[in-house]
Amino acid sequence: MSATAPGEEPGPHGPLPARGEPATEAASDAARAAELRLLPVLLALTVVSGIIDAVSFLGLGHVFTANMTGNVAVLGFAAAGSGEFSGAHALVSLGAFLAGSAAGGWAARIFAGRARRAWLRAAFTAEAALLAAAAAFSATAPETAAATEYTLVAVTALAMGLRNATVRRLGVADMTTTVLTMTLTGLAADSPLGGGRSVRTVRRVGSVLALLAGALLGGWLVLRHDLWLPLLIAAVMSGILVPTVSGRV
C-alpha cells in the first residue's frame, strides 16, 4: 500500500490528488461530485435497511438481518439464558450475512475492470431479487413453520451482507446504510457542542432519519399485515435503484 504523499488527502479509494494542480484538482472535484450524487441512493438503501430489520426483529423471532452489531448482542443474550432471544436465529443470520458479504467482495473484484455502474447495477439487482424471493416465499410458505422463519432470516441477511460489502467498497463517509453508531458519534463529536464545525451534518442527520423512517414504516406494516408486504416494498425500492444508480456514478 502506498503512503499518502505530502499535499494529498486520504480518500476512500486511496489518496485524493493534491490540491493546486488543475488536472488533478478537477479529478478530485469530479470524485466529490459523484459521491454527492450517490447520497440519495444510499439514503434510500438506509430506508430499506430499516424495513428489513423491522421485519426480522418484529416478525422473525427478535433477530436482526441488517444490523449485525445487534445480532452479536442477541447471541450473547441467548447464551446467557434469555428466553426472548434465539441463538439459532442469530447464528443463521450472522452466517448468511457473512456469506453475502463474501459474495459482495467477489463481485467487486469480478467487476473491477468495468464501469462502476455495471458493478452497482449487478449488486442492487441481486439485492432486489433476494428480497423479492423472500417476499414470495413469505406469501406462500406456512407462517407457523420454523423452516419459514429460518429461510427468511437467511435470505434477507444474505441480501444485506451483499449490500454492506458493496457500500463498504464505495467508501462514502457516514453512509453505511445499516448501522448508525459512528454516524451518531460524529454528529455529536463534530458539533459546536463538541468543539467541532458540524462536518457532514446534513448527511448524518439524513442517515438517522432514513433508518428511523424505514423502521417506522416496516414496523407499522409488520404489526398490521403479513410479512410479505414490507418485504415486497423493500424489494421494489431496491429494484428502483438499479436504473437510478446508472446516472449517478
C-alpha atoms as a PDB file:
ATOM      1  CA  MET A   1       0.000   0.000   0.000  1.00  0.00           C
ATOM      2  CA  SER A   2       1.432   3.382  -0.974  1.00  0.00           C
ATOM      3  CA  ALA A   3       1.728   6.079   1.645  1.00  0.00           C
ATOM      4  CA  THR A   4      -0.107   9.352   1.297  1.00  0.00           C
ATOM      5  CA  ALA A   5       2.285  11.913  -0.159  1.00  0.00           C
ATOM      6  CA  PRO A   6       2.611  15.450   1.199  1.00  0.00           C
ATOM      7  CA  GLY A   7      -0.247  17.634  -0.012  1.00  0.00           C
ATOM      8  CA  GLU A   8      -2.532  14.673  -0.698  1.00  0.00           C
ATOM      9  CA  GLU A   9      -5.756  13.908   1.155  1.00  0.00           C
ATOM     10  CA  PRO A  10      -6.710  10.365   2.139  1.00  0.00           C
ATOM     11  CA  GLY A  11      -9.816   9.173   0.277  1.00  0.00           C
ATOM     12  CA  PRO A  12     -11.961   6.019   0.401  1.00  0.00           C
ATOM     13  CA  HIS A  13     -10.205   4.554  -2.648  1.00  0.00           C
ATOM     14  CA  GLY A  14      -6.703   5.825  -1.898  1.00  0.00           C
ATOM     15  CA  PRO A  15      -5.171   9.290  -1.680  1.00  0.00           C
ATOM     16  CA  LEU A  16      -7.073  12.063  -3.392  1.00  0.00           C
ATOM     17  CA  PRO A  17      -4.988  14.215  -5.742  1.00  0.00           C
ATOM     18  CA  ALA A  18      -3.105  17.141  -4.270  1.00  0.00           C
ATOM     19  CA  ARG A  19      -4.808  20.496  -4.406  1.00  0.00           C
ATOM     20  CA  GLY A  20      -3.459  23.228  -6.601  1.00  0.00           C
ATOM     21  CA  GLU A  21      -2.860  21.227  -9.796  1.00  0.00           C
ATOM     22  CA  PRO A  22      -5.683  21.945 -12.289  1.00  0.00           C
ATOM     23  CA  ALA A  23      -5.964  18.445 -13.774  1.00  0.00           C
ATOM     24  CA  THR A  24      -5.763  16.568 -10.503  1.00  0.00           C
ATOM     25  CA  GLU A  25      -7.969  19.053  -8.687  1.00  0.00           C
ATOM     26  CA  ALA A  26     -10.601  18.663 -11.406  1.00  0.00           C
ATOM     27  CA  ALA A  27     -10.477  14.888 -10.927  1.00  0.00           C
ATOM     28  CA  SER A  28     -10.848  15.358  -7.183  1.00  0.00           C
ATOM     29  CA  ASP A  29     -13.847  17.640  -7.683  1.00  0.00           C
ATOM     30  CA  ALA A  30     -15.404  15.076 -10.033  1.00  0.00           C
ATOM     31  CA  ALA A  31     -14.973  12.340  -7.407  1.00  0.00           C
ATOM     32  CA  ARG A  32     -16.625  14.506  -4.763  1.00  0.00           C
ATOM     33  CA  ALA A  33     -19.481  15.320  -7.138  1.00  0.00           C
ATOM     34  CA  ALA A  34     -20.003  11.604  -7.826  1.00  0.00           C
ATOM     35  CA  GLU A  35     -20.113  10.954  -4.073  1.00  0.00           C
ATOM     36  CA  LEU A  36     -22.767  13.628  -3.611  1.00  0.00           C
ATOM     37  CA  ARG A  37     -24.848  12.132  -6.433  1.00  0.00           C
ATOM     38  CA  LEU A  38     -24.789   8.784  -4.624  1.00  0.00           C
ATOM     39  CA  LEU A  39     -26.206  10.191  -1.387  1.00  0.00           C
ATOM     40  CA  PRO A  40     -29.913   9.873  -2.378  1.00  0.00           C
ATOM     41  CA  VAL A  41     -29.300   6.256  -3.422  1.00  0.00           C
ATOM     42  CA  LEU A  42     -27.608   5.435  -0.114  1.00  0.00           C
ATOM     43  CA  LEU A  43     -30.342   7.175   1.861  1.00  0.00           C
ATOM     44  CA  ALA A  44     -32.949   5.067   0.057  1.00  0.00           C
ATOM     45  CA  LEU A  45     -30.963   1.932   0.884  1.00  0.00           C
ATOM     46  CA  THR A  46     -30.907   3.037   4.521  1.00  0.00           C
ATOM     47  CA  VAL A  47     -34.708   3.173   4.487  1.00  0.00           C
ATOM     48  CA  VAL A  48     -34.714  -0.386   3.110  1.00  0.00           C
ATOM     49  CA  SER A  49     -32.447  -1.471   5.976  1.00  0.00           C
ATOM     50  CA  GLY A  50     -34.923  -0.091   8.498  1.00  0.00           C
ATOM     51  CA  ILE A  51     -37.727  -2.045   6.842  1.00  0.00           C
ATOM     52  CA  ILE A  52     -35.704  -5.261   6.820  1.00  0.00           C
ATOM     53  CA  ASP A  53     -34.713  -5.015  10.473  1.00  0.00           C
ATOM     54  CA  ALA A  54     -38.341  -4.298  11.407  1.00  0.00           C
ATOM     55  CA  VAL A  55     -39.374  -7.457   9.558  1.00  0.00           C
ATOM     56  CA  SER A  56     -36.673  -9.595  11.136  1.00  0.00           C
ATOM     57  CA  PHE A  57     -36.879  -8.287  14.700  1.00  0.00           C
ATOM     58  CA  LEU A  58     -40.655  -7.992  14.986  1.00  0.00           C
ATOM     59  CA  GLY A  59     -41.644 -10.846  12.700  1.00  0.00           C
ATOM     60  CA  LEU A  60     -38.840 -13.410  12.724  1.00  0.00           C
ATOM     61  CA  GLY A  61     -38.014 -14.031  16.353  1.00  0.00           C
ATOM     62  CA  HIS A  62     -36.207 -10.945  17.673  1.00  0.00           C
ATOM     63  CA  VAL A  63     -33.211 -11.187  15.368  1.00  0.00           C
ATOM     64  CA  PHE A  64     -31.579  -8.603  13.096  1.00  0.00           C
ATOM     65  CA  THR A  65     -30.683  -9.316   9.493  1.00  0.00           C
ATOM     66  CA  ALA A  66     -29.238  -5.906   8.565  1.00  0.00           C
ATOM     67  CA  ASN A  67     -27.688  -4.734  11.840  1.00  0.00           C
ATOM     68  CA  MET A  68     -25.112  -7.348  12.800  1.00  0.00           C
ATOM     69  CA  THR A  69     -23.928  -5.420  15.864  1.00  0.00           C
ATOM     70  CA  GLY A  70     -27.328  -6.012  17.407  1.00  0.00           C
ATOM     71  CA  ASN A  71     -27.165  -9.655  16.365  1.00  0.00           C
ATOM     72  CA  VAL A  72     -23.938 -10.260  18.251  1.00  0.00           C
ATOM     73  CA  ALA A  73     -25.635  -8.829  21.344  1.00  0.00           C
ATOM     74  CA  VAL A  74     -28.691 -11.035  20.704  1.00  0.00           C
ATOM     75  CA  LEU A  75     -26.402 -14.056  20.544  1.00  0.00           C
ATOM     76  CA  GLY A  76     -24.963 -13.103  23.927  1.00  0.00           C
ATOM     77  CA  PHE A  77     -28.431 -12.634  25.435  1.00  0.00           C
ATOM     78  CA  ALA A  78     -29.494 -16.056  24.187  1.00  0.00           C
ATOM     79  CA  ALA A  79     -26.318 -17.671  25.513  1.00  0.00           C
ATOM     80  CA  ALA A  80     -26.995 -16.082  28.903  1.00  0.00           C
ATOM     81  CA  GLY A  81     -30.319 -17.910  29.038  1.00  0.00           C
ATOM     82  CA  SER A  82     -32.826 -15.270  27.939  1.00  0.00           C
ATOM     83  CA  GLY A  83     -35.912 -16.982  26.584  1.00  0.00           C
ATOM     84  CA  GLU A  84     -36.842 -13.950  24.482  1.00  0.00           C
ATOM     85  CA  PHE A  85     -33.979 -14.428  22.027  1.00  0.00           C
ATOM     86  CA  SER A  86     -32.908 -17.320  19.820  1.00  0.00           C
ATOM     87  CA  GLY A  87     -29.234 -18.111  19.441  1.00  0.00           C
ATOM     88  CA  ALA A  88     -30.035 -20.304  16.438  1.00  0.00           C
ATOM     89  CA  HIS A  89     -31.752 -17.429  14.630  1.00  0.00           C
ATOM     90  CA  ALA A  90     -28.818 -15.131  15.371  1.00  0.00           C
ATOM     91  CA  LEU A  91     -26.289 -17.681  14.112  1.00  0.00           C
ATOM     92  CA  VAL A  92     -28.234 -18.253  10.885  1.00  0.00           C
ATOM     93  CA  SER A  93     -28.405 -14.503  10.332  1.00  0.00           C
ATOM     94  CA  LEU A  94     -24.704 -13.989  11.025  1.00  0.00           C
ATOM     95  CA  GLY A  95     -23.706 -16.887   8.767  1.00  0.00           C
ATOM     96  CA  ALA A  96     -25.880 -15.736   5.875  1.00  0.00           C
ATOM     97  CA  PHE A  97     -24.701 -12.147   6.283  1.00  0.00           C
ATOM     98  CA  LEU A  98     -21.062 -13.220   6.123  1.00  0.00           C
ATOM     99  CA  ALA A  99     -21.796 -15.316   3.034  1.00  0.00           C
ATOM    100  CA  GLY A 100     -23.457 -12.330   1.373  1.00  0.00           C
ATOM    101  CA  SER A 101     -20.541 -10.089   2.302  1.00  0.00           C
ATOM    102  CA  ALA A 102     -18.087 -12.571   0.795  1.00  0.00           C
ATOM    103  CA  ALA A 103     -20.175 -12.697  -2.385  1.00  0.00           C
ATOM    104  CA  GLY A 104     -20.176  -8.898  -2.481  1.00  0.00           C
ATOM    105  CA  GLY A 105     -16.396  -8.856  -2.191  1.00  0.00           C
ATOM    106  CA  TRP A 106     -16.035 -11.308  -5.060  1.00  0.00           C
ATOM    107  CA  ALA A 107     -18.488  -9.314  -7.188  1.00  0.00           C
ATOM    108  CA  ALA A 108     -16.491  -6.117  -6.679  1.00  0.00           C
ATOM    109  CA  ARG A 109     -13.328  -7.888  -7.828  1.00  0.00           C
ATOM    110  CA  ILE A 110     -15.032  -9.502 -10.827  1.00  0.00           C
ATOM    111  CA  PHE A 111     -16.306  -6.106 -11.991  1.00  0.00           C
ATOM    112  CA  ALA A 112     -13.043  -4.310 -11.140  1.00  0.00           C
ATOM    113  CA  GLY A 113     -12.106  -3.743 -14.772  1.00  0.00           C
ATOM    114  CA  ARG A 114     -15.522  -2.480 -15.830  1.00  0.00           C
ATOM    115  CA  ALA A 115     -17.523   0.690 -15.290  1.00  0.00           C
ATOM    116  CA  ARG A 116     -18.593   1.172 -11.695  1.00  0.00           C
ATOM    117  CA  ARG A 117     -22.234   1.493 -12.720  1.00  0.00           C
ATOM    118  CA  ALA A 118     -22.194  -2.097 -14.060  1.00  0.00           C
ATOM    119  CA  TRP A 119     -20.998  -3.383 -10.688  1.00  0.00           C
ATOM    120  CA  LEU A 120     -23.588  -1.386  -8.742  1.00  0.00           C
ATOM    121  CA  ARG A 121     -26.400  -2.421 -11.077  1.00  0.00           C
ATOM    122  CA  ALA A 122     -25.477  -6.070 -10.572  1.00  0.00           C
ATOM    123  CA  ALA A 123     -25.270  -5.701  -6.784  1.00  0.00           C
ATOM    124  CA  PHE A 124     -28.582  -3.866  -6.431  1.00  0.00           C
ATOM    125  CA  THR A 125     -30.295  -6.255  -8.846  1.00  0.00           C
ATOM    126  CA  ALA A 126     -29.132  -9.184  -6.714  1.00  0.00           C
ATOM    127  CA  GLU A 127     -30.386  -7.488  -3.542  1.00  0.00           C
ATOM    128  CA  ALA A 128     -33.775  -6.746  -5.089  1.00  0.00           C
ATOM    129  CA  ALA A 129     -34.051 -10.322  -6.386  1.00  0.00           C
ATOM    130  CA  LEU A 130     -33.255 -11.813  -2.972  1.00  0.00           C
ATOM    131  CA  LEU A 131     -35.775  -9.577  -1.219  1.00  0.00           C
ATOM    132  CA  ALA A 132     -38.409 -10.352  -3.863  1.00  0.00           C
ATOM    133  CA  ALA A 133     -37.741 -14.065  -3.354  1.00  0.00           C
ATOM    134  CA  ALA A 134     -38.178 -13.581   0.396  1.00  0.00           C
ATOM    135  CA  ALA A 135     -41.490 -11.778  -0.191  1.00  0.00           C
ATOM    136  CA  ALA A 136     -42.745 -14.537  -2.493  1.00  0.00           C
ATOM    137  CA  PHE A 137     -41.671 -17.256  -0.062  1.00  0.00           C
ATOM    138  CA  SER A 138     -43.312 -15.444   2.852  1.00  0.00           C
ATOM    139  CA  ALA A 139     -46.573 -15.165   0.924  1.00  0.00           C
ATOM    140  CA  THR A 140     -46.734 -18.879   0.099  1.00  0.00           C
ATOM    141  CA  ALA A 141     -44.968 -20.738   2.934  1.00  0.00           C
ATOM    142  CA  PRO A 142     -46.675 -21.813   6.185  1.00  0.00           C
ATOM    143  CA  GLU A 143     -46.376 -18.922   8.644  1.00  0.00           C
ATOM    144  CA  THR A 144     -46.007 -21.127  11.712  1.00  0.00           C
ATOM    145  CA  ALA A 145     -43.278 -23.399  10.321  1.00  0.00           C
ATOM    146  CA  ALA A 146     -39.839 -22.908  11.882  1.00  0.00           C
ATOM    147  CA  ALA A 147     -38.268 -23.521   8.483  1.00  0.00           C
ATOM    148  CA  THR A 148     -40.105 -20.467   7.148  1.00  0.00           C
ATOM    149  CA  GLU A 149     -38.527 -18.199   9.751  1.00  0.00           C
ATOM    150  CA  TYR A 150     -35.038 -19.584   9.226  1.00  0.00           C
ATOM    151  CA  THR A 151     -35.332 -19.289   5.450  1.00  0.00           C
ATOM    152  CA  LEU A 152     -36.489 -15.672   5.616  1.00  0.00           C
ATOM    153  CA  VAL A 153     -33.745 -14.821   8.102  1.00  0.00           C
ATOM    154  CA  ALA A 154     -31.123 -16.398   5.846  1.00  0.00           C
ATOM    155  CA  VAL A 155     -32.319 -14.808   2.589  1.00  0.00           C
ATOM    156  CA  THR A 156     -32.699 -11.283   3.977  1.00  0.00           C
ATOM    157  CA  ALA A 157     -29.356 -11.476   5.810  1.00  0.00           C
ATOM    158  CA  LEU A 158     -27.706 -12.702   2.603  1.00  0.00           C
ATOM    159  CA  ALA A 159     -29.095  -9.665   0.763  1.00  0.00           C
ATOM    160  CA  MET A 160     -27.930  -7.274   3.469  1.00  0.00           C
ATOM    161  CA  GLY A 161     -24.456  -8.810   3.558  1.00  0.00           C
ATOM    162  CA  LEU A 162     -24.110  -8.349  -0.190  1.00  0.00           C
ATOM    163  CA  ARG A 163     -25.250  -4.754   0.123  1.00  0.00           C
ATOM    164  CA  ASN A 164     -22.918  -3.948   3.017  1.00  0.00           C
ATOM    165  CA  ALA A 165     -19.910  -5.239   1.103  1.00  0.00           C
ATOM    166  CA  THR A 166     -20.930  -3.073  -1.854  1.00  0.00           C
ATOM    167  CA  VAL A 167     -21.464   0.080   0.204  1.00  0.00           C
ATOM    168  CA  ARG A 168     -18.222  -0.510   2.082  1.00  0.00           C
ATOM    169  CA  ARG A 169     -16.351  -0.615  -1.230  1.00  0.00           C
ATOM    170  CA  LEU A 170     -17.954   2.689  -2.262  1.00  0.00           C
ATOM    171  CA  GLY A 171     -16.498   4.289   0.867  1.00  0.00           C
ATOM    172  CA  VAL A 172     -18.915   7.217   1.159  1.00  0.00           C
ATOM    173  CA  ALA A 173     -18.351   8.756   4.591  1.00  0.00           C
ATOM    174  CA  ASP A 174     -21.154   8.401   7.157  1.00  0.00           C
ATOM    175  CA  MET A 175     -23.343   6.391   4.771  1.00  0.00           C
ATOM    176  CA  THR A 176     -23.081   2.764   5.861  1.00  0.00           C
ATOM    177  CA  THR A 177     -26.852   2.234   5.251  1.00  0.00           C
ATOM    178  CA  THR A 178     -27.213  -0.210   8.176  1.00  0.00           C
ATOM    179  CA  VAL A 179     -25.507   0.980  11.385  1.00  0.00           C
ATOM    180  CA  LEU A 180     -25.529   4.437  12.935  1.00  0.00           C
ATOM    181  CA  THR A 181     -23.251   4.237  15.972  1.00  0.00           C
ATOM    182  CA  MET A 182     -20.295   6.068  14.400  1.00  0.00           C
ATOM    183  CA  THR A 183     -22.644   8.385  12.482  1.00  0.00           C
ATOM    184  CA  LEU A 184     -24.256   9.491  15.740  1.00  0.00           C
ATOM    185  CA  THR A 185     -20.825   9.758  17.364  1.00  0.00           C
ATOM    186  CA  GLY A 186     -19.604  12.018  14.567  1.00  0.00           C
ATOM    187  CA  LEU A 187     -22.775  14.086  14.691  1.00  0.00           C
ATOM    188  CA  ALA A 188     -22.179  14.921  18.352  1.00  0.00           C
ATOM    189  CA  ALA A 189     -18.366  14.985  18.421  1.00  0.00           C
ATOM    190  CA  ASP A 190     -18.094  17.270  15.380  1.00  0.00           C
ATOM    191  CA  SER A 191     -20.872  19.607  16.510  1.00  0.00           C
ATOM    192  CA  PRO A 192     -20.224  23.002  18.145  1.00  0.00           C
ATOM    193  CA  LEU A 193     -21.152  21.307  21.434  1.00  0.00           C
ATOM    194  CA  GLY A 194     -18.164  19.010  20.927  1.00  0.00           C
ATOM    195  CA  GLY A 195     -15.883  21.820  19.790  1.00  0.00           C
ATOM    196  CA  GLY A 196     -16.221  20.949  16.094  1.00  0.00           C
ATOM    197  CA  ARG A 197     -17.552  22.638  12.975  1.00  0.00           C
ATOM    198  CA  SER A 198     -20.542  20.388  12.181  1.00  0.00           C
ATOM    199  CA  VAL A 199     -18.885  18.365   9.403  1.00  0.00           C
ATOM    200  CA  ARG A 200     -21.327  16.476   7.131  1.00  0.00           C
ATOM    201  CA  THR A 201     -24.227  17.247   9.458  1.00  0.00           C
ATOM    202  CA  VAL A 202     -26.891  17.072   6.740  1.00  0.00           C
ATOM    203  CA  ARG A 203     -25.976  13.601   5.522  1.00  0.00           C
ATOM    204  CA  ARG A 204     -25.576  12.316   9.075  1.00  0.00           C
ATOM    205  CA  VAL A 205     -28.980  13.567  10.141  1.00  0.00           C
ATOM    206  CA  GLY A 206     -30.421  12.290   6.864  1.00  0.00           C
ATOM    207  CA  SER A 207     -28.999   8.836   7.515  1.00  0.00           C
ATOM    208  CA  VAL A 208     -30.522   8.716  11.003  1.00  0.00           C
ATOM    209  CA  LEU A 209     -33.912   9.886   9.745  1.00  0.00           C
ATOM    210  CA  ALA A 210     -33.830   7.422   6.838  1.00  0.00           C
ATOM    211  CA  LEU A 211     -33.261   4.427   9.119  1.00  0.00           C
ATOM    212  CA  LEU A 212     -35.912   5.707  11.513  1.00  0.00           C
ATOM    213  CA  ALA A 213     -38.387   6.137   8.658  1.00  0.00           C
ATOM    214  CA  GLY A 214     -37.697   2.634   7.363  1.00  0.00           C
ATOM    215  CA  ALA A 215     -38.094   1.107  10.817  1.00  0.00           C
ATOM    216  CA  LEU A 216     -41.314   3.053  11.367  1.00  0.00           C
ATOM    217  CA  LEU A 217     -42.778   2.004   8.024  1.00  0.00           C
ATOM    218  CA  GLY A 218     -41.611  -1.586   8.377  1.00  0.00           C
ATOM    219  CA  GLY A 219     -42.825  -1.847  11.958  1.00  0.00           C
ATOM    220  CA  TRP A 220     -46.238  -0.438  11.083  1.00  0.00           C
ATOM    221  CA  LEU A 221     -46.615  -2.917   8.219  1.00  0.00           C
ATOM    222  CA  VAL A 222     -45.397  -5.929  10.223  1.00  0.00           C
ATOM    223  CA  LEU A 223     -47.816  -5.204  13.064  1.00  0.00           C
ATOM    224  CA  ARG A 224     -50.804  -4.829  10.729  1.00  0.00           C
ATOM    225  CA  HIS A 225     -50.092  -7.002   7.683  1.00  0.00           C
ATOM    226  CA  ASP A 226     -48.316 -10.183   6.651  1.00  0.00           C
ATOM    227  CA  LEU A 227     -44.536 -10.106   6.279  1.00  0.00           C
ATOM    228  CA  TRP A 228     -44.626 -10.399   2.504  1.00  0.00           C
ATOM    229  CA  LEU A 229     -45.862  -6.808   2.134  1.00  0.00           C
ATOM    230  CA  PRO A 230     -42.929  -4.974   3.779  1.00  0.00           C
ATOM    231  CA  LEU A 231     -40.545  -7.412   2.092  1.00  0.00           C
ATOM    232  CA  LEU A 232     -42.110  -6.630  -1.277  1.00  0.00           C
ATOM    233  CA  ILE A 233     -41.865  -2.884  -0.649  1.00  0.00           C
ATOM    234  CA  ALA A 234     -38.190  -3.291   0.265  1.00  0.00           C
ATOM    235  CA  ALA A 235     -37.596  -5.316  -2.911  1.00  0.00           C
ATOM    236  CA  VAL A 236     -39.312  -2.694  -5.076  1.00  0.00           C
ATOM    237  CA  MET A 237     -37.280   0.108  -3.506  1.00  0.00           C
ATOM    238  CA  SER A 238     -34.026  -1.756  -4.134  1.00  0.00           C
ATOM    239  CA  GLY A 239     -35.140  -2.549  -7.681  1.00  0.00           C
ATOM    240  CA  ILE A 240     -35.913   1.086  -8.448  1.00  0.00           C
ATOM    241  CA  LEU A 241     -32.333   1.947  -7.568  1.00  0.00           C
ATOM    242  CA  VAL A 242     -30.966  -0.318 -10.330  1.00  0.00           C
ATOM    243  CA  PRO A 243     -31.673   2.149 -13.182  1.00  0.00           C
ATOM    244  CA  THR A 244     -31.320   5.156 -10.877  1.00  0.00           C
ATOM    245  CA  VAL A 245     -27.723   4.400  -9.949  1.00  0.00           C
ATOM    246  CA  SER A 246     -26.633   4.382 -13.613  1.00  0.00           C
ATOM    247  CA  GLY A 247     -26.913   8.136 -13.854  1.00  0.00           C
ATOM    248  CA  ARG A 248     -25.208   8.825 -10.532  1.00  0.00           C
ATOM    249  CA  VAL A 249     -21.819   7.111 -10.859  1.00  0.00           C
END
